[in-house]
N, C-alpha and C. Protein backbone atom coordinates (compact mmCIF):
# COMPACT_ATOMS: atom_id res chain seq x y z
N MET A 1 -39.11 111.25 77.66
CA MET A 1 -40.27 110.60 78.21
C MET A 1 -41.43 110.58 77.21
N MET A 2 -41.65 111.70 76.54
CA MET A 2 -42.75 111.76 75.57
C MET A 2 -42.44 110.91 74.35
N LYS A 3 -41.16 110.82 73.98
CA LYS A 3 -40.79 109.98 72.86
C LYS A 3 -41.07 108.51 73.17
N GLN A 4 -40.83 108.13 74.41
CA GLN A 4 -41.12 106.75 74.81
C GLN A 4 -42.62 106.48 74.76
N ARG A 5 -43.42 107.44 75.20
CA ARG A 5 -44.87 107.28 75.11
C ARG A 5 -45.32 107.16 73.67
N PHE A 6 -44.72 107.99 72.80
CA PHE A 6 -45.06 107.92 71.39
C PHE A 6 -44.72 106.55 70.81
N VAL A 7 -43.55 106.04 71.14
CA VAL A 7 -43.12 104.74 70.62
C VAL A 7 -44.04 103.63 71.12
N ILE A 8 -44.41 103.67 72.38
CA ILE A 8 -45.32 102.66 72.93
C ILE A 8 -46.68 102.71 72.26
N ARG A 9 -47.21 103.92 72.12
CA ARG A 9 -48.52 104.08 71.47
C ARG A 9 -48.45 103.67 70.00
N PHE A 10 -47.38 104.07 69.31
CA PHE A 10 -47.21 103.73 67.91
C PHE A 10 -47.09 102.21 67.74
N THR A 11 -46.33 101.56 68.61
CA THR A 11 -46.19 100.11 68.53
C THR A 11 -47.53 99.41 68.75
N ALA A 12 -48.30 99.88 69.71
CA ALA A 12 -49.60 99.28 69.96
C ALA A 12 -50.53 99.46 68.76
N PHE A 13 -50.52 100.63 68.15
CA PHE A 13 -51.36 100.87 66.99
C PHE A 13 -50.91 100.04 65.78
N VAL A 14 -49.59 99.88 65.60
CA VAL A 14 -49.09 99.07 64.50
C VAL A 14 -49.50 97.61 64.69
N LEU A 15 -49.37 97.11 65.92
CA LEU A 15 -49.78 95.73 66.18
C LEU A 15 -51.27 95.54 65.96
N LEU A 16 -52.07 96.51 66.37
CA LEU A 16 -53.51 96.44 66.14
C LEU A 16 -53.83 96.46 64.64
N ALA A 17 -53.14 97.33 63.89
CA ALA A 17 -53.36 97.40 62.44
C ALA A 17 -52.92 96.12 61.76
N LEU A 18 -51.79 95.54 62.17
CA LEU A 18 -51.34 94.28 61.58
C LEU A 18 -52.32 93.15 61.90
N LEU A 19 -52.84 93.15 63.11
CA LEU A 19 -53.83 92.14 63.49
C LEU A 19 -55.07 92.25 62.60
N ALA A 20 -55.53 93.48 62.38
CA ALA A 20 -56.70 93.69 61.52
C ALA A 20 -56.39 93.26 60.09
N GLY A 21 -55.19 93.55 59.60
CA GLY A 21 -54.81 93.13 58.26
C GLY A 21 -54.76 91.62 58.12
N PHE A 22 -54.19 90.93 59.12
CA PHE A 22 -54.11 89.48 59.05
C PHE A 22 -55.48 88.82 59.19
N VAL A 23 -56.35 89.40 59.99
CA VAL A 23 -57.71 88.87 60.10
C VAL A 23 -58.43 89.01 58.76
N LEU A 24 -58.27 90.15 58.11
CA LEU A 24 -58.88 90.32 56.78
C LEU A 24 -58.24 89.40 55.75
N ARG A 25 -56.95 89.13 55.91
CA ARG A 25 -56.27 88.20 55.00
C ARG A 25 -56.85 86.80 55.14
N ILE A 26 -57.05 86.38 56.37
CA ILE A 26 -57.58 85.05 56.61
C ILE A 26 -59.02 84.95 56.13
N SER A 27 -59.82 85.97 56.42
CA SER A 27 -61.24 85.89 56.10
C SER A 27 -61.55 86.09 54.62
N SER A 28 -60.72 86.85 53.91
CA SER A 28 -61.06 87.12 52.51
C SER A 28 -60.03 86.61 51.52
N GLY A 29 -58.97 85.99 51.98
CA GLY A 29 -58.00 85.39 51.08
C GLY A 29 -57.11 86.38 50.36
N LEU A 30 -56.76 87.47 51.01
CA LEU A 30 -55.85 88.45 50.42
C LEU A 30 -54.43 87.90 50.38
N GLY A 31 -53.58 88.47 49.53
CA GLY A 31 -52.17 88.12 49.51
C GLY A 31 -51.43 88.87 50.61
N MET A 32 -50.16 88.52 50.78
CA MET A 32 -49.37 89.15 51.85
C MET A 32 -49.17 90.64 51.58
N GLY A 33 -48.94 91.02 50.33
CA GLY A 33 -48.78 92.44 49.99
C GLY A 33 -50.04 93.23 50.27
N ASP A 34 -51.18 92.65 49.95
CA ASP A 34 -52.46 93.31 50.22
C ASP A 34 -52.69 93.44 51.72
N CYS A 35 -52.25 92.45 52.47
CA CYS A 35 -52.40 92.47 53.92
C CYS A 35 -51.63 93.64 54.53
N ILE A 36 -50.42 93.89 54.02
CA ILE A 36 -49.61 95.00 54.52
C ILE A 36 -50.25 96.33 54.13
N LEU A 37 -50.80 96.42 52.93
CA LEU A 37 -51.47 97.65 52.50
C LEU A 37 -52.70 97.94 53.37
N VAL A 38 -53.47 96.91 53.66
CA VAL A 38 -54.65 97.08 54.51
C VAL A 38 -54.22 97.51 55.91
N SER A 39 -53.14 96.93 56.41
CA SER A 39 -52.63 97.30 57.73
C SER A 39 -52.17 98.76 57.76
N GLY A 40 -51.52 99.20 56.68
CA GLY A 40 -51.12 100.61 56.59
C GLY A 40 -52.30 101.54 56.55
N PHE A 41 -53.35 101.14 55.81
CA PHE A 41 -54.56 101.96 55.76
C PHE A 41 -55.22 102.04 57.14
N VAL A 42 -55.28 100.92 57.85
CA VAL A 42 -55.88 100.91 59.19
C VAL A 42 -55.07 101.79 60.13
N LEU A 43 -53.74 101.76 60.02
CA LEU A 43 -52.89 102.61 60.85
C LEU A 43 -53.16 104.09 60.56
N CYS A 44 -53.27 104.45 59.28
CA CYS A 44 -53.59 105.83 58.91
C CYS A 44 -54.99 106.21 59.39
N LEU A 45 -55.91 105.26 59.33
CA LEU A 45 -57.27 105.51 59.81
C LEU A 45 -57.28 105.79 61.30
N ILE A 46 -56.47 105.05 62.06
CA ILE A 46 -56.39 105.27 63.50
C ILE A 46 -55.86 106.66 63.81
N TYR A 47 -54.79 107.06 63.12
CA TYR A 47 -54.18 108.35 63.41
C TYR A 47 -54.99 109.52 62.88
N SER A 48 -55.74 109.32 61.81
CA SER A 48 -56.52 110.44 61.27
C SER A 48 -57.88 110.58 61.92
N GLY A 49 -58.24 109.64 62.78
CA GLY A 49 -59.57 109.65 63.39
C GLY A 49 -59.88 110.90 64.17
N ARG A 50 -58.90 111.40 64.91
CA ARG A 50 -59.16 112.60 65.71
C ARG A 50 -59.39 113.83 64.86
N LEU A 51 -58.76 113.88 63.71
CA LEU A 51 -58.91 115.05 62.84
C LEU A 51 -60.18 114.97 62.00
N LEU A 52 -60.54 113.77 61.55
CA LEU A 52 -61.66 113.63 60.62
C LEU A 52 -63.01 113.37 61.27
N TRP A 53 -63.02 112.85 62.48
CA TRP A 53 -64.28 112.40 63.08
C TRP A 53 -65.35 113.48 63.14
N PRO A 54 -65.07 114.70 63.64
CA PRO A 54 -66.15 115.71 63.70
C PRO A 54 -66.70 116.07 62.32
N CYS A 55 -65.84 116.18 61.35
CA CYS A 55 -66.28 116.54 59.99
C CYS A 55 -67.08 115.41 59.36
N VAL A 56 -66.62 114.19 59.54
CA VAL A 56 -67.29 113.04 58.93
C VAL A 56 -68.67 112.82 59.54
N THR A 57 -68.78 112.92 60.84
CA THR A 57 -70.08 112.68 61.48
C THR A 57 -71.10 113.72 61.05
N GLN A 58 -70.69 114.96 60.95
CA GLN A 58 -71.61 116.01 60.52
C GLN A 58 -72.03 115.81 59.06
N THR A 59 -71.08 115.46 58.21
CA THR A 59 -71.39 115.25 56.79
C THR A 59 -72.30 114.04 56.59
N LEU A 60 -71.99 112.94 57.28
CA LEU A 60 -72.83 111.75 57.14
C LEU A 60 -74.23 111.98 57.71
N SER A 61 -74.32 112.75 58.77
CA SER A 61 -75.63 113.06 59.34
C SER A 61 -76.48 113.85 58.35
N THR A 62 -75.88 114.84 57.72
CA THR A 62 -76.60 115.63 56.72
C THR A 62 -76.99 114.77 55.52
N LEU A 63 -76.08 113.88 55.10
CA LEU A 63 -76.38 113.00 53.98
C LEU A 63 -77.50 112.03 54.30
N MET A 64 -77.51 111.51 55.51
CA MET A 64 -78.57 110.59 55.93
C MET A 64 -79.92 111.30 55.99
N LYS A 65 -79.93 112.54 56.47
CA LYS A 65 -81.18 113.30 56.51
C LYS A 65 -81.71 113.53 55.10
N ALA A 66 -80.81 113.88 54.17
CA ALA A 66 -81.24 114.11 52.80
C ALA A 66 -81.75 112.82 52.17
N GLY A 67 -81.10 111.70 52.46
CA GLY A 67 -81.55 110.42 51.94
C GLY A 67 -82.90 110.02 52.50
N PHE A 68 -83.10 110.27 53.80
CA PHE A 68 -84.37 109.94 54.41
C PHE A 68 -85.51 110.78 53.82
N ILE A 69 -85.24 112.05 53.61
CA ILE A 69 -86.26 112.93 53.01
C ILE A 69 -86.56 112.48 51.58
N ALA A 70 -85.52 112.08 50.83
CA ALA A 70 -85.73 111.61 49.46
C ALA A 70 -86.57 110.33 49.44
N ILE A 71 -86.30 109.42 50.38
CA ILE A 71 -87.09 108.19 50.46
C ILE A 71 -88.52 108.50 50.90
N LEU A 72 -88.65 109.40 51.87
CA LEU A 72 -89.96 109.74 52.40
C LEU A 72 -90.88 110.31 51.32
N PHE A 73 -90.34 111.16 50.47
CA PHE A 73 -91.16 111.77 49.43
C PHE A 73 -91.12 111.00 48.12
N GLY A 74 -90.42 109.87 48.10
CA GLY A 74 -90.40 109.02 46.91
C GLY A 74 -89.68 109.62 45.72
N SER A 75 -88.65 110.38 45.97
CA SER A 75 -87.91 111.03 44.89
C SER A 75 -86.76 110.14 44.44
N LEU A 76 -86.94 109.49 43.30
CA LEU A 76 -85.89 108.62 42.76
C LEU A 76 -84.64 109.41 42.39
N PRO A 77 -84.73 110.58 41.75
CA PRO A 77 -83.51 111.35 41.48
C PRO A 77 -82.79 111.78 42.78
N GLY A 78 -83.57 112.07 43.80
CA GLY A 78 -82.96 112.44 45.08
C GLY A 78 -82.19 111.29 45.69
N ILE A 79 -82.74 110.09 45.60
CA ILE A 79 -82.06 108.91 46.14
C ILE A 79 -80.79 108.64 45.35
N VAL A 80 -80.85 108.77 44.03
CA VAL A 80 -79.67 108.55 43.19
C VAL A 80 -78.59 109.58 43.51
N ILE A 81 -78.98 110.82 43.69
CA ILE A 81 -78.01 111.87 44.03
C ILE A 81 -77.35 111.57 45.37
N VAL A 82 -78.12 111.15 46.35
CA VAL A 82 -77.56 110.83 47.67
C VAL A 82 -76.59 109.66 47.55
N LEU A 83 -76.92 108.65 46.77
CA LEU A 83 -76.02 107.50 46.58
C LEU A 83 -74.74 107.89 45.86
N VAL A 84 -74.84 108.75 44.86
CA VAL A 84 -73.64 109.21 44.14
C VAL A 84 -72.75 110.04 45.05
N VAL A 85 -73.35 110.92 45.83
CA VAL A 85 -72.57 111.73 46.77
C VAL A 85 -71.91 110.84 47.82
N ALA A 86 -72.60 109.84 48.31
CA ALA A 86 -72.01 108.92 49.30
C ALA A 86 -70.86 108.14 48.68
N PHE A 87 -70.99 107.73 47.40
CA PHE A 87 -69.91 107.01 46.72
C PHE A 87 -68.67 107.88 46.59
N PHE A 88 -68.84 109.13 46.14
CA PHE A 88 -67.69 110.03 46.00
C PHE A 88 -67.11 110.42 47.35
N LEU A 89 -67.96 110.56 48.34
CA LEU A 89 -67.49 110.89 49.68
C LEU A 89 -66.62 109.77 50.25
N SER A 90 -66.97 108.53 49.95
CA SER A 90 -66.15 107.42 50.44
C SER A 90 -64.75 107.45 49.82
N GLY A 91 -64.65 107.80 48.56
CA GLY A 91 -63.34 107.92 47.92
C GLY A 91 -62.52 109.06 48.48
N VAL A 92 -63.17 110.18 48.70
CA VAL A 92 -62.48 111.34 49.28
C VAL A 92 -62.02 111.03 50.70
N LEU A 93 -62.86 110.33 51.46
CA LEU A 93 -62.49 109.98 52.83
C LEU A 93 -61.31 109.02 52.88
N ALA A 94 -61.24 108.10 51.93
CA ALA A 94 -60.11 107.16 51.90
C ALA A 94 -58.80 107.91 51.66
N VAL A 95 -58.80 108.83 50.72
CA VAL A 95 -57.60 109.62 50.45
C VAL A 95 -57.27 110.52 51.63
N ALA A 96 -58.30 111.14 52.21
CA ALA A 96 -58.08 112.02 53.36
C ALA A 96 -57.53 111.25 54.55
N CYS A 97 -58.01 110.04 54.76
CA CYS A 97 -57.50 109.21 55.87
C CYS A 97 -56.03 108.93 55.71
N ILE A 98 -55.61 108.60 54.51
CA ILE A 98 -54.20 108.28 54.28
C ILE A 98 -53.34 109.53 54.48
N VAL A 99 -53.72 110.62 53.87
CA VAL A 99 -52.92 111.84 53.96
C VAL A 99 -52.90 112.39 55.38
N LEU A 100 -54.06 112.54 55.98
CA LEU A 100 -54.11 113.10 57.33
C LEU A 100 -53.54 112.15 58.38
N GLY A 101 -53.62 110.85 58.15
CA GLY A 101 -53.00 109.90 59.06
C GLY A 101 -51.49 110.05 59.08
N CYS A 102 -50.89 110.19 57.90
CA CYS A 102 -49.44 110.40 57.83
C CYS A 102 -49.05 111.74 58.44
N VAL A 103 -49.83 112.77 58.18
CA VAL A 103 -49.54 114.09 58.75
C VAL A 103 -49.64 114.06 60.27
N GLN A 104 -50.67 113.43 60.80
CA GLN A 104 -50.86 113.34 62.25
C GLN A 104 -49.75 112.52 62.90
N LEU A 105 -49.32 111.46 62.25
CA LEU A 105 -48.24 110.63 62.76
C LEU A 105 -46.94 111.42 62.86
N ILE A 106 -46.61 112.15 61.81
CA ILE A 106 -45.40 112.98 61.82
C ILE A 106 -45.52 114.10 62.84
N ARG A 107 -46.70 114.70 62.94
CA ARG A 107 -46.92 115.79 63.89
C ARG A 107 -46.73 115.33 65.33
N GLU A 108 -47.27 114.15 65.67
CA GLU A 108 -47.10 113.64 67.03
C GLU A 108 -45.64 113.30 67.32
N LEU A 109 -44.93 112.77 66.32
CA LEU A 109 -43.51 112.47 66.51
C LEU A 109 -42.71 113.74 66.75
N VAL A 110 -42.94 114.76 65.95
CA VAL A 110 -42.22 116.02 66.11
C VAL A 110 -42.55 116.67 67.45
N GLN A 111 -43.81 116.65 67.85
CA GLN A 111 -44.19 117.22 69.15
C GLN A 111 -43.51 116.48 70.30
N SER A 112 -43.43 115.18 70.21
CA SER A 112 -42.79 114.42 71.29
C SER A 112 -41.29 114.70 71.35
N ILE A 113 -40.66 114.86 70.20
CA ILE A 113 -39.23 115.21 70.17
C ILE A 113 -39.01 116.60 70.74
N LEU A 114 -39.86 117.56 70.38
CA LEU A 114 -39.71 118.94 70.88
C LEU A 114 -39.95 119.01 72.38
N VAL A 115 -40.92 118.27 72.89
CA VAL A 115 -41.18 118.29 74.33
C VAL A 115 -40.01 117.67 75.08
N ASP A 116 -39.43 116.60 74.55
CA ASP A 116 -38.26 115.99 75.20
C ASP A 116 -37.04 116.91 75.14
N ALA A 117 -36.91 117.67 74.05
CA ALA A 117 -35.78 118.59 73.94
C ALA A 117 -35.94 119.78 74.88
N ALA A 118 -37.17 120.17 75.17
CA ALA A 118 -37.39 121.33 76.06
C ALA A 118 -37.10 121.00 77.50
N VAL A 119 -37.16 119.72 77.87
CA VAL A 119 -36.95 119.32 79.26
C VAL A 119 -35.51 119.23 79.53
């Protein structure tokens, strides 16, 4: 029963990710290979959301406060530092989304198999 729920949820998420990839393909003129890569990233983003959301919101909140204080006091080096940190954070988040999305996907599959085996 849990495996069926996993398959239904996984299918819905894959269709949603493919839809997002095709919409981006139409709007920005990506190739078919790029469309599949974007869809895979969106799928990983969906699955990693539960693990990353609390950490990301807290980090972005702190970064926004630091940026606001830098703008308020007119500190150009402070603004540059905040922009550099935000740039590197976006790269780290992209890698973390892919890795944690795959881990979460496998974890949910294994949990659903174990729950079905226990019944």
